[in-house]
Amino acid sequence: MVNLAEKLKIAMIKQHTTQTRLAERSGQSQGNLASKIIRNDFKLSEYNKLVEALGCTLEINIVLPNGEKI
């Protein structure tokens, strides 16, 4: 089973963005985001903000703008 951090990494690749850019878009430091990804430790509200910063929506899955679900 793919965990939330892995899904976020997949979405970053598919959206052609870096961890640094995602951190900037979500209003946090790159180091803070990296720690959360390493620990796979997200509050739902934080995770939703990251998903939205990627231009995606959060359901049970991450839904990319083209409709693909991760």
C-alpha atoms as a PDB file:
ATOM      1  CA  MET A   1       0.000   0.000   0.000  1.00  0.00           C
ATOM      2  CA  VAL A   2       1.257   3.464  -0.889  1.00  0.00           C
ATOM      3  CA  ASN A   3       1.457   5.853   2.083  1.00  0.00           C
ATOM      4  CA  LEU A   4       0.622   9.573   2.032  1.00  0.00           C
ATOM      5  CA  ALA A   5       4.235  10.695   1.632  1.00  0.00           C
ATOM      6  CA  GLU A   6       4.692   8.393  -1.362  1.00  0.00           C
ATOM      7  CA  LYS A   7       1.475   9.684  -2.944  1.00  0.00           C
ATOM      8  CA  LEU A   8       2.683  13.250  -2.434  1.00  0.00           C
ATOM      9  CA  LYS A   9       6.024  12.431  -4.097  1.00  0.00           C
ATOM     10  CA  ILE A  10       4.234  10.871  -7.077  1.00  0.00           C
ATOM     11  CA  ALA A  11       1.997  13.932  -7.419  1.00  0.00           C
ATOM     12  CA  MET A  12       5.039  16.252  -7.272  1.00  0.00           C
ATOM     13  CA  ILE A  13       6.671  14.322 -10.123  1.00  0.00           C
ATOM     14  CA  LYS A  14       3.503  14.312 -12.216  1.00  0.00           C
ATOM     15  CA  GLN A  15       3.002  18.044 -11.593  1.00  0.00           C
ATOM     16  CA  HIS A  16       6.652  18.781 -12.446  1.00  0.00           C
ATOM     17  CA  THR A  17       7.433  20.456  -9.144  1.00  0.00           C
ATOM     18  CA  THR A  18      10.138  20.105  -6.543  1.00  0.00           C
ATOM     19  CA  GLN A  19       9.964  19.751  -2.810  1.00  0.00           C
ATOM     20  CA  THR A  20      11.423  23.259  -2.520  1.00  0.00           C
ATOM     21  CA  ARG A  21       8.727  24.768  -4.754  1.00  0.00           C
ATOM     22  CA  LEU A  22       5.997  22.893  -2.915  1.00  0.00           C
ATOM     23  CA  ALA A  23       7.316  24.147   0.422  1.00  0.00           C
ATOM     24  CA  GLU A  24       7.283  27.732  -0.890  1.00  0.00           C
ATOM     25  CA  ARG A  25       3.754  27.369  -2.285  1.00  0.00           C
ATOM     26  CA  SER A  26       2.486  25.936   0.994  1.00  0.00           C
ATOM     27  CA  GLY A  27       4.157  28.574   3.180  1.00  0.00           C
ATOM     28  CA  GLN A  28       6.708  26.430   4.996  1.00  0.00           C
ATOM     29  CA  SER A  29      10.416  25.796   4.898  1.00  0.00           C
ATOM     30  CA  GLN A  30      11.841  23.076   2.698  1.00  0.00           C
ATOM     31  CA  GLY A  31      13.408  21.471   5.776  1.00  0.00           C
ATOM     32  CA  ASN A  32      10.071  21.322   7.572  1.00  0.00           C
ATOM     33  CA  LEU A  33       8.380  19.736   4.563  1.00  0.00           C
ATOM     34  CA  ALA A  34      11.239  17.262   4.111  1.00  0.00           C
ATOM     35  CA  SER A  35      10.900  16.178   7.750  1.00  0.00           C
ATOM     36  CA  LYS A  36       7.166  15.613   7.378  1.00  0.00           C
ATOM     37  CA  ILE A  37       7.725  13.563   4.225  1.00  0.00           C
ATOM     38  CA  ILE A  38      10.470  11.460   5.837  1.00  0.00           C
ATOM     39  CA  ARG A  39       8.301  10.759   8.894  1.00  0.00           C
ATOM     40  CA  ASN A  40       5.098  10.464   6.810  1.00  0.00           C
ATOM     41  CA  ASP A  41       3.583  12.691   9.490  1.00  0.00           C
ATOM     42  CA  PHE A  42       0.832  15.001   8.221  1.00  0.00           C
ATOM     43  CA  LYS A  43      -2.250  16.546   9.749  1.00  0.00           C
ATOM     44  CA  LEU A  44      -5.124  16.259   7.300  1.00  0.00           C
ATOM     45  CA  SER A  45      -5.344  20.054   6.995  1.00  0.00           C
ATOM     46  CA  GLU A  46      -1.601  20.272   6.234  1.00  0.00           C
ATOM     47  CA  TYR A  47      -1.805  17.475   3.684  1.00  0.00           C
ATOM     48  CA  ASN A  48      -4.780  19.116   1.992  1.00  0.00           C
ATOM     49  CA  LYS A  49      -2.852  22.405   1.756  1.00  0.00           C
ATOM     50  CA  LEU A  50       0.079  20.592   0.105  1.00  0.00           C
ATOM     51  CA  VAL A  51      -2.217  18.842  -2.354  1.00  0.00           C
ATOM     52  CA  GLU A  52      -3.893  22.142  -3.248  1.00  0.00           C
ATOM     53  CA  ALA A  53      -0.477  23.802  -3.678  1.00  0.00           C
ATOM     54  CA  LEU A  54       0.185  21.166  -6.352  1.00  0.00           C
ATOM     55  CA  GLY A  55      -2.973  22.223  -8.191  1.00  0.00           C
ATOM     56  CA  CYS A  56      -4.716  18.970  -7.236  1.00  0.00           C
ATOM     57  CA  THR A  57      -7.699  18.093  -5.074  1.00  0.00           C
ATOM     58  CA  LEU A  58      -7.856  15.718  -2.142  1.00  0.00           C
ATOM     59  CA  GLU A  59     -10.503  13.052  -1.879  1.00  0.00           C
ATOM     60  CA  ILE A  60      -9.540   9.630  -0.634  1.00  0.00           C
ATOM     61  CA  ASN A  61      -6.970   9.764  -3.431  1.00  0.00           C
ATOM     62  CA  ILE A  62      -4.991  12.608  -4.925  1.00  0.00           C
ATOM     63  CA  VAL A  63      -6.776  13.605  -8.128  1.00  0.00           C
ATOM     64  CA  LEU A  64      -4.571  15.273 -10.732  1.00  0.00           C
ATOM     65  CA  PRO A  65      -6.031  17.987 -12.960  1.00  0.00           C
ATOM     66  CA  ASN A  66      -6.299  15.444 -15.796  1.00  0.00           C
ATOM     67  CA  GLY A  67      -8.544  13.267 -13.579  1.00  0.00           C
ATOM     68  CA  GLU A  68      -5.919  10.598 -12.857  1.00  0.00           C
ATOM     69  CA  LYS A  69      -6.102   9.255  -9.292  1.00  0.00           C
ATOM     70  CA  ILE A  70      -3.047   8.319  -7.269  1.00  0.00           C
END
